[in-house]
């Protein structure tokens, strides 16, 4: 970075003008990139197929049932190991 500053100081006026112009273009490209990103994101959101309330309710019930089944299985295995631990070591 220090070398760039030294080059700008020692270079002729034409090259320093070019350097200034190129520096001015960089933020514009960044802004265009940010704007393009948000435009692309917006267009992708339009492509999303959102579930209906009925589908959401069904999926929620499925998740709750699976959580309950997993909880019962984990409780059963934990109780079994607890019983075995009590029988073997006490």
N, C-alpha and C. Protein backbone atom coordinates (compact mmCIF):
# COMPACT_ATOMS: atom_id res chain seq x y z
N UNK A 1 0.82 -1.17 0.00
CA UNK A 1 0.00 0.00 0.00
C UNK A 1 0.87 1.24 0.00
N UNK A 2 1.96 1.22 0.76
CA UNK A 2 2.87 2.35 0.79
C UNK A 2 3.54 2.52 -0.56
N UNK A 3 3.82 1.42 -1.24
CA UNK A 3 4.42 1.48 -2.57
C UNK A 3 3.48 2.18 -3.54
N UNK A 4 2.19 1.91 -3.43
CA UNK A 4 1.22 2.56 -4.30
C UNK A 4 1.22 4.07 -4.10
N UNK A 5 1.32 4.48 -2.85
CA UNK A 5 1.34 5.92 -2.57
C UNK A 5 2.60 6.57 -3.14
N UNK A 6 3.74 5.85 -3.01
CA UNK A 6 4.99 6.38 -3.54
C UNK A 6 4.93 6.47 -5.06
N UNK A 7 4.35 5.47 -5.70
CA UNK A 7 4.23 5.49 -7.16
C UNK A 7 3.35 6.65 -7.61
N UNK A 8 2.28 6.92 -6.89
CA UNK A 8 1.42 8.02 -7.26
C UNK A 8 2.15 9.36 -7.13
N UNK A 9 2.98 9.49 -6.11
CA UNK A 9 3.71 10.74 -5.90
C UNK A 9 4.76 10.94 -6.99
N UNK A 10 5.43 9.88 -7.42
CA UNK A 10 6.52 10.00 -8.37
C UNK A 10 6.08 9.89 -9.82
N UNK A 11 4.86 9.44 -10.07
CA UNK A 11 4.42 9.23 -11.45
C UNK A 11 3.97 10.54 -12.08
N UNK A 12 3.98 10.59 -13.41
CA UNK A 12 3.52 11.79 -14.10
C UNK A 12 2.03 12.03 -13.87
N UNK A 13 1.55 13.21 -14.24
CA UNK A 13 0.17 13.60 -13.98
C UNK A 13 -0.84 12.67 -14.65
N UNK A 14 -0.53 12.16 -15.85
CA UNK A 14 -1.47 11.31 -16.57
C UNK A 14 -1.79 10.04 -15.79
N UNK A 15 -0.75 9.41 -15.26
CA UNK A 15 -0.99 8.16 -14.54
C UNK A 15 -1.70 8.41 -13.22
N UNK A 16 -1.45 9.56 -12.57
CA UNK A 16 -2.13 9.84 -11.31
C UNK A 16 -3.61 10.11 -11.57
N UNK A 17 -3.94 10.74 -12.70
CA UNK A 17 -5.34 10.96 -13.06
C UNK A 17 -6.04 9.64 -13.30
N UNK A 18 -5.33 8.72 -13.97
CA UNK A 18 -5.90 7.39 -14.21
C UNK A 18 -6.14 6.66 -12.90
N UNK A 19 -5.18 6.79 -11.98
CA UNK A 19 -5.33 6.13 -10.68
C UNK A 19 -6.52 6.70 -9.93
N UNK A 20 -6.70 8.02 -9.99
CA UNK A 20 -7.83 8.64 -9.31
C UNK A 20 -9.15 8.19 -9.94
N UNK A 21 -9.18 8.10 -11.28
CA UNK A 21 -10.39 7.67 -11.96
C UNK A 21 -10.72 6.22 -11.62
N UNK A 22 -9.69 5.37 -11.55
CA UNK A 22 -9.94 3.97 -11.23
C UNK A 22 -10.42 3.83 -9.79
N UNK A 23 -9.93 4.70 -8.91
CA UNK A 23 -10.40 4.66 -7.53
C UNK A 23 -11.86 5.09 -7.45
N UNK A 24 -12.25 6.04 -8.27
CA UNK A 24 -13.63 6.51 -8.28
C UNK A 24 -14.58 5.43 -8.81
N UNK A 25 -14.10 4.58 -9.71
CA UNK A 25 -14.95 3.55 -10.29
C UNK A 25 -15.21 2.40 -9.32
N UNK A 26 -14.29 2.12 -8.43
CA UNK A 26 -14.45 0.98 -7.53
C UNK A 26 -15.70 1.08 -6.66
N UNK A 27 -15.96 2.19 -5.98
CA UNK A 27 -17.19 2.25 -5.18
C UNK A 27 -18.44 2.12 -6.03
N UNK A 28 -18.43 2.63 -7.25
CA UNK A 28 -19.58 2.51 -8.13
C UNK A 28 -19.84 1.04 -8.45
N UNK A 29 -18.77 0.29 -8.70
CA UNK A 29 -18.93 -1.14 -8.96
C UNK A 29 -19.48 -1.84 -7.73
N UNK A 30 -19.02 -1.44 -6.56
CA UNK A 30 -19.51 -2.05 -5.33
C UNK A 30 -21.00 -1.80 -5.17
N UNK A 31 -21.41 -0.55 -5.42
CA UNK A 31 -22.82 -0.22 -5.29
C UNK A 31 -23.65 -1.00 -6.29
N UNK A 32 -23.14 -1.10 -7.52
CA UNK A 32 -23.87 -1.88 -8.52
C UNK A 32 -23.94 -3.34 -8.12
N UNK A 33 -22.87 -3.84 -7.51
CA UNK A 33 -22.86 -5.23 -7.06
C UNK A 33 -23.87 -5.46 -5.95
N UNK A 34 -23.96 -4.52 -5.04
CA UNK A 34 -24.91 -4.65 -3.93
C UNK A 34 -26.34 -4.57 -4.45
N UNK A 35 -26.59 -3.63 -5.35
CA UNK A 35 -27.93 -3.48 -5.92
C UNK A 35 -28.30 -4.74 -6.70
N UNK A 36 -27.34 -5.25 -7.47
CA UNK A 36 -27.59 -6.48 -8.25
C UNK A 36 -27.88 -7.64 -7.30
N UNK A 37 -27.16 -7.73 -6.20
CA UNK A 37 -27.38 -8.80 -5.24
C UNK A 37 -28.82 -8.77 -4.71
N UNK A 38 -29.27 -7.59 -4.31
CA UNK A 38 -30.62 -7.49 -3.75
C UNK A 38 -31.69 -7.71 -4.81
N UNK A 39 -31.43 -7.28 -6.05
CA UNK A 39 -32.38 -7.56 -7.12
C UNK A 39 -32.47 -9.06 -7.38
N UNK A 40 -31.32 -9.73 -7.40
CA UNK A 40 -31.30 -11.17 -7.61
C UNK A 40 -31.99 -11.90 -6.46
N UNK A 41 -31.74 -11.44 -5.24
CA UNK A 41 -32.38 -12.06 -4.08
C UNK A 41 -33.90 -11.90 -4.16
N UNK A 42 -34.34 -10.73 -4.57
CA UNK A 42 -35.78 -10.48 -4.69
C UNK A 42 -36.39 -11.40 -5.75
N UNK A 43 -35.71 -11.56 -6.87
CA UNK A 43 -36.24 -12.43 -7.92
C UNK A 43 -36.27 -13.89 -7.46
N UNK A 44 -35.30 -14.30 -6.65
CA UNK A 44 -35.30 -15.67 -6.12
C UNK A 44 -36.45 -15.88 -5.13
N UNK A 45 -36.74 -14.86 -4.32
CA UNK A 45 -37.85 -14.97 -3.37
C UNK A 45 -39.18 -15.12 -4.11
N UNK A 46 -39.28 -14.52 -5.29
CA UNK A 46 -40.50 -14.67 -6.06
C UNK A 46 -40.68 -16.09 -6.57
N UNK A 47 -39.58 -16.83 -6.72
CA UNK A 47 -39.64 -18.20 -7.21
C UNK A 47 -39.99 -19.21 -6.11
N UNK A 48 -39.92 -18.79 -4.86
CA UNK A 48 -40.17 -19.70 -3.75
C UNK A 48 -41.63 -20.11 -3.73
N UNK A 49 -41.87 -21.40 -3.54
CA UNK A 49 -43.23 -21.89 -3.40
C UNK A 49 -43.49 -22.09 -1.91
N UNK A 50 -44.29 -21.20 -1.35
CA UNK A 50 -44.56 -21.24 0.08
C UNK A 50 -45.63 -22.28 0.37
N UNK A 51 -45.52 -23.01 1.49
CA UNK A 51 -46.54 -24.01 1.82
C UNK A 51 -47.85 -23.35 2.23
N UNK A 52 -48.92 -24.08 1.98
CA UNK A 52 -50.23 -23.59 2.39
C UNK A 52 -50.37 -23.77 3.90
N UNK A 53 -51.33 -23.09 4.51
CA UNK A 53 -51.54 -23.29 5.96
C UNK A 53 -51.85 -24.75 6.32
N UNK A 54 -52.55 -25.45 5.45
CA UNK A 54 -52.86 -26.86 5.71
C UNK A 54 -51.58 -27.70 5.71
N UNK A 55 -50.70 -27.45 4.72
CA UNK A 55 -49.42 -28.18 4.67
C UNK A 55 -48.56 -27.86 5.89
N UNK A 56 -48.57 -26.60 6.31
CA UNK A 56 -47.78 -26.19 7.47
C UNK A 56 -48.28 -26.90 8.73
N UNK A 57 -49.59 -26.98 8.89
CA UNK A 57 -50.17 -27.66 10.04
C UNK A 57 -49.81 -29.15 10.01
N UNK A 58 -49.93 -29.76 8.84
CA UNK A 58 -49.60 -31.19 8.71
C UNK A 58 -48.13 -31.44 9.05
N UNK A 59 -47.24 -30.62 8.51
CA UNK A 59 -45.80 -30.79 8.77
C UNK A 59 -45.48 -30.56 10.24
N UNK A 60 -46.16 -29.61 10.88
CA UNK A 60 -45.94 -29.36 12.30
C UNK A 60 -46.36 -30.57 13.13
N UNK A 61 -47.49 -31.16 12.78
CA UNK A 61 -47.96 -32.35 13.52
C UNK A 61 -46.97 -33.50 13.34
N UNK A 62 -46.47 -33.68 12.13
CA UNK A 62 -45.49 -34.75 11.87
C UNK A 62 -44.24 -34.54 12.71
N UNK A 63 -43.76 -33.31 12.79
CA UNK A 63 -42.56 -33.02 13.57
C UNK A 63 -42.81 -33.28 15.06
N UNK A 64 -43.95 -32.85 15.57
CA UNK A 64 -44.26 -33.06 16.98
C UNK A 64 -44.39 -34.55 17.32
N UNK A 65 -45.02 -35.31 16.45
CA UNK A 65 -45.14 -36.77 16.67
C UNK A 65 -43.77 -37.43 16.65
N UNK A 66 -42.93 -37.05 15.70
CA UNK A 66 -41.59 -37.65 15.64
C UNK A 66 -40.76 -37.29 16.87
N UNK A 67 -40.91 -36.06 17.36
CA UNK A 67 -40.20 -35.66 18.58
C UNK A 67 -40.68 -36.47 19.77
N UNK A 68 -41.99 -36.70 19.85
CA UNK A 68 -42.55 -37.49 20.95
C UNK A 68 -42.05 -38.93 20.89
N UNK A 69 -42.01 -39.51 19.69
CA UNK A 69 -41.50 -40.89 19.53
C UNK A 69 -40.03 -40.96 19.94
N UNK A 70 -39.24 -39.99 19.50
CA UNK A 70 -37.82 -39.98 19.86
C UNK A 70 -37.66 -39.83 21.37
N UNK A 71 -38.48 -38.98 22.00
CA UNK A 71 -38.39 -38.78 23.45
C UNK A 71 -38.72 -40.07 24.19
N UNK A 72 -39.76 -40.78 23.74
CA UNK A 72 -40.14 -42.04 24.39
C UNK A 72 -39.04 -43.08 24.23
N UNK A 73 -38.45 -43.16 23.03
CA UNK A 73 -37.36 -44.12 22.82
C UNK A 73 -36.15 -43.79 23.69
N UNK A 74 -35.78 -42.55 23.75
CA UNK A 74 -34.62 -42.16 24.57
C UNK A 74 -34.92 -42.41 26.04
N UNK A 75 -36.15 -42.10 26.49
CA UNK A 75 -36.52 -42.36 27.88
C UNK A 75 -36.47 -43.85 28.18
N UNK A 76 -36.96 -44.66 27.23
CA UNK A 76 -36.94 -46.11 27.43
C UNK A 76 -35.53 -46.66 27.52
N UNK A 77 -34.67 -46.25 26.63
CA UNK A 77 -33.29 -46.72 26.65
C UNK A 77 -32.58 -46.25 27.92
N UNK A 78 -32.81 -45.01 28.32
CA UNK A 78 -32.20 -44.48 29.54
C UNK A 78 -32.68 -45.25 30.77
N UNK A 79 -33.98 -45.54 30.82
CA UNK A 79 -34.52 -46.31 31.95
C UNK A 79 -33.93 -47.71 31.97
N UNK A 80 -33.81 -48.34 30.80
CA UNK A 80 -33.24 -49.68 30.72
C UNK A 80 -31.80 -49.67 31.22
N UNK A 81 -30.99 -48.72 30.76
CA UNK A 81 -29.60 -48.65 31.23
C UNK A 81 -29.54 -48.32 32.71
N UNK A 82 -30.43 -47.49 33.19
CA UNK A 82 -30.47 -47.18 34.62
C UNK A 82 -30.80 -48.41 35.45
N UNK A 83 -31.76 -49.21 34.97
CA UNK A 83 -32.12 -50.45 35.67
C UNK A 83 -30.96 -51.43 35.66
N UNK A 84 -30.33 -51.59 34.49
CA UNK A 84 -29.17 -52.49 34.40
C UNK A 84 -28.02 -52.01 35.29
N UNK A 85 -27.81 -50.73 35.34
CA UNK A 85 -26.76 -50.16 36.18
C UNK A 85 -27.06 -50.44 37.64
N UNK A 86 -28.31 -50.28 38.02
CA UNK A 86 -28.70 -50.54 39.41
C UNK A 86 -28.53 -52.01 39.79
N UNK A 87 -28.88 -52.91 38.88
CA UNK A 87 -28.77 -54.35 39.16
C UNK A 87 -27.33 -54.82 39.21
N UNK A 88 -26.50 -54.30 38.33
CA UNK A 88 -25.14 -54.78 38.23
C UNK A 88 -24.19 -54.19 39.30
N UNK A 89 -24.36 -52.93 39.63
CA UNK A 89 -23.36 -52.27 40.46
C UNK A 89 -23.84 -51.97 41.87
N UNK A 90 -25.06 -52.34 42.25
CA UNK A 90 -25.49 -52.07 43.63
C UNK A 90 -25.88 -53.31 44.34
